[in-house]
Amino acid sequence: DVYKRQFLERGFVVISDRYLLSSLAYQGSELPLEWVSALNRWVRMPDVVIYLDLDPEEALGRVKRRTIYHSLEKLRRIRETYLRIIGSEDWRRRTYVVDASLSEEEVSRIVLNLTLSALGGLK
């Protein structure tokens, strides 16, 4: 987070594949979300979040020859936690939910358009 802050303070755009939302969702799926949020209260909120939403069964079906770190039930809890957090006021206004069951090309197009749009709206 120190490196991100340094770049942001110098006017750079920082793009990260995981950050506060994923930390809250993964930890909050096992621990009280309020407690996890309190631990992360000093972390800077992102300006824009693009969440790729996919049913956990479909996600596991896409895995090929890779280690699976979580059970289907754990993945369901994590997804439910993501969606609960995204539904809150602070996250709803900064998060775009993309249906990741669409084709790879379509998801890529949507993410690219959202990113370009967000970059155009950043100061």
Protein backbone atom coordinates (compact mmCIF):
# COMPACT_ATOMS: atom_id res chain seq x y z
CA ASP A 1 0.00 0.00 0.00
CA VAL A 2 2.95 2.33 0.59
CA TYR A 3 4.00 2.03 -3.06
CA LYS A 4 0.46 2.66 -4.30
CA ARG A 5 0.19 5.74 -2.11
CA GLN A 6 3.51 7.10 -3.40
CA PHE A 7 2.40 6.74 -7.01
CA LEU A 8 -1.04 8.22 -6.32
CA GLU A 9 0.51 11.21 -4.56
CA ARG A 10 2.63 11.82 -7.68
CA GLY A 11 -0.49 11.80 -9.90
CA PHE A 12 -0.19 8.31 -11.37
CA VAL A 13 -3.14 6.00 -12.00
CA VAL A 14 -2.73 2.72 -10.11
CA ILE A 15 -4.45 -0.42 -11.39
CA SER A 16 -4.50 -3.43 -9.08
CA ASP A 17 -5.99 -6.87 -9.56
CA ARG A 18 -6.76 -7.29 -5.84
CA TYR A 19 -7.11 -4.73 -3.12
CA LEU A 20 -9.40 -3.75 -0.28
CA LEU A 21 -12.61 -5.31 -1.59
CA SER A 22 -11.02 -8.74 -2.03
CA SER A 23 -9.44 -8.52 1.41
CA LEU A 24 -12.80 -7.71 2.97
CA ALA A 25 -14.63 -10.42 1.03
CA TYR A 26 -12.17 -13.23 1.73
CA GLN A 27 -11.61 -12.39 5.39
CA GLY A 28 -15.23 -11.34 5.92
CA SER A 29 -16.48 -14.70 4.64
CA GLU A 30 -14.94 -16.31 7.75
CA LEU A 31 -14.86 -13.50 10.32
CA PRO A 32 -17.30 -10.76 11.32
CA LEU A 33 -17.25 -8.26 8.45
CA GLU A 34 -17.51 -5.30 10.83
CA TRP A 35 -14.32 -6.43 12.57
CA VAL A 36 -12.47 -6.98 9.29
CA SER A 37 -13.64 -3.54 8.08
CA ALA A 38 -12.37 -1.94 11.29
CA LEU A 39 -8.94 -3.52 10.75
CA ASN A 40 -8.84 -2.04 7.25
CA ARG A 41 -10.19 1.42 8.15
CA TRP A 42 -6.89 3.11 7.24
CA VAL A 43 -6.71 1.59 3.77
CA ARG A 44 -7.51 4.06 1.00
CA MET A 45 -10.78 3.33 -0.77
CA PRO A 46 -10.33 2.73 -4.49
CA ASP A 47 -11.88 5.21 -6.89
CA VAL A 48 -13.23 2.50 -9.19
CA VAL A 49 -13.72 -1.25 -8.78
CA ILE A 50 -14.55 -3.70 -11.55
CA TYR A 51 -15.88 -6.93 -10.05
CA LEU A 52 -16.10 -9.96 -12.35
CA ASP A 53 -19.04 -11.94 -11.01
CA LEU A 54 -19.23 -15.64 -11.77
CA ASP A 55 -21.15 -18.49 -10.19
CA PRO A 56 -18.62 -20.56 -8.21
CA GLU A 57 -19.68 -23.82 -9.90
CA GLU A 58 -18.98 -22.32 -13.31
CA ALA A 59 -15.69 -20.89 -12.04
CA LEU A 60 -14.55 -24.32 -10.83
CA GLY A 61 -15.61 -25.80 -14.17
CA ARG A 62 -13.23 -23.41 -15.92
CA VAL A 63 -10.20 -24.46 -13.87
CA LYS A 64 -7.82 -26.64 -15.84
CA ARG A 65 -4.84 -28.38 -14.24
CA ARG A 66 -4.46 -25.82 -11.50
CA THR A 67 -4.59 -26.22 -7.79
CA ILE A 68 -7.99 -25.34 -6.37
CA TYR A 69 -7.48 -23.52 -3.09
CA HIS A 70 -11.09 -23.36 -1.89
CA SER A 71 -14.08 -25.67 -1.76
CA LEU A 72 -17.26 -24.86 -3.64
CA GLU A 73 -18.96 -23.93 -0.35
CA LYS A 74 -16.11 -21.56 0.57
CA LEU A 75 -16.27 -19.93 -2.88
CA ARG A 76 -20.02 -19.46 -2.46
CA ARG A 77 -19.50 -17.72 0.91
CA ILE A 78 -16.81 -15.48 -0.58
CA ARG A 79 -19.05 -14.52 -3.51
CA GLU A 80 -21.98 -13.81 -1.18
CA THR A 81 -19.69 -11.60 0.91
CA TYR A 82 -18.48 -9.74 -2.19
CA LEU A 83 -22.05 -9.07 -3.28
CA ARG A 84 -23.11 -8.00 0.23
CA ILE A 85 -20.22 -5.53 0.44
CA ILE A 86 -20.84 -4.21 -3.07
CA GLY A 87 -24.46 -3.63 -2.10
CA SER A 88 -23.46 -1.18 0.62
CA GLU A 89 -23.56 2.55 -0.11
CA ASP A 90 -19.78 3.14 0.00
CA TRP A 91 -19.08 0.40 -2.52
CA ARG A 92 -22.17 0.60 -4.74
CA ARG A 93 -21.22 4.01 -6.15
CA ARG A 94 -17.69 2.95 -7.11
CA THR A 95 -18.18 -0.65 -8.24
CA TYR A 96 -19.11 -2.01 -11.65
CA VAL A 97 -20.31 -5.61 -11.63
CA VAL A 98 -19.52 -7.49 -14.84
CA ASP A 99 -21.23 -10.76 -15.71
CA ALA A 100 -18.20 -13.01 -16.13
CA SER A 101 -20.31 -15.83 -17.57
CA LEU A 102 -20.21 -13.93 -20.88
CA SER A 103 -17.57 -14.84 -23.43
CA GLU A 104 -13.97 -13.87 -22.72
CA GLU A 105 -14.11 -11.40 -25.60
CA GLU A 106 -17.28 -9.75 -24.29
CA VAL A 107 -15.98 -9.50 -20.72
CA SER A 108 -12.72 -8.03 -22.04
CA ARG A 109 -14.61 -5.46 -24.11
CA ILE A 110 -16.77 -4.43 -21.15
CA VAL A 111 -13.79 -4.17 -18.78
CA LEU A 112 -11.81 -2.15 -21.33
CA ASN A 113 -14.72 0.26 -21.88
CA LEU A 114 -15.29 0.67 -18.12
CA THR A 115 -11.58 1.28 -17.57
CA LEU A 116 -11.32 3.85 -20.34
CA SER A 117 -14.45 5.57 -19.09
CA ALA A 118 -13.10 5.65 -15.52
CA LEU A 119 -9.75 7.01 -16.68
CA GLY A 120 -11.53 9.77 -18.55
CA GLY A 121 -13.38 10.72 -15.40
CA LEU A 122 -10.37 10.71 -13.06
CA LYS A 123 -8.66 13.95 -12.14
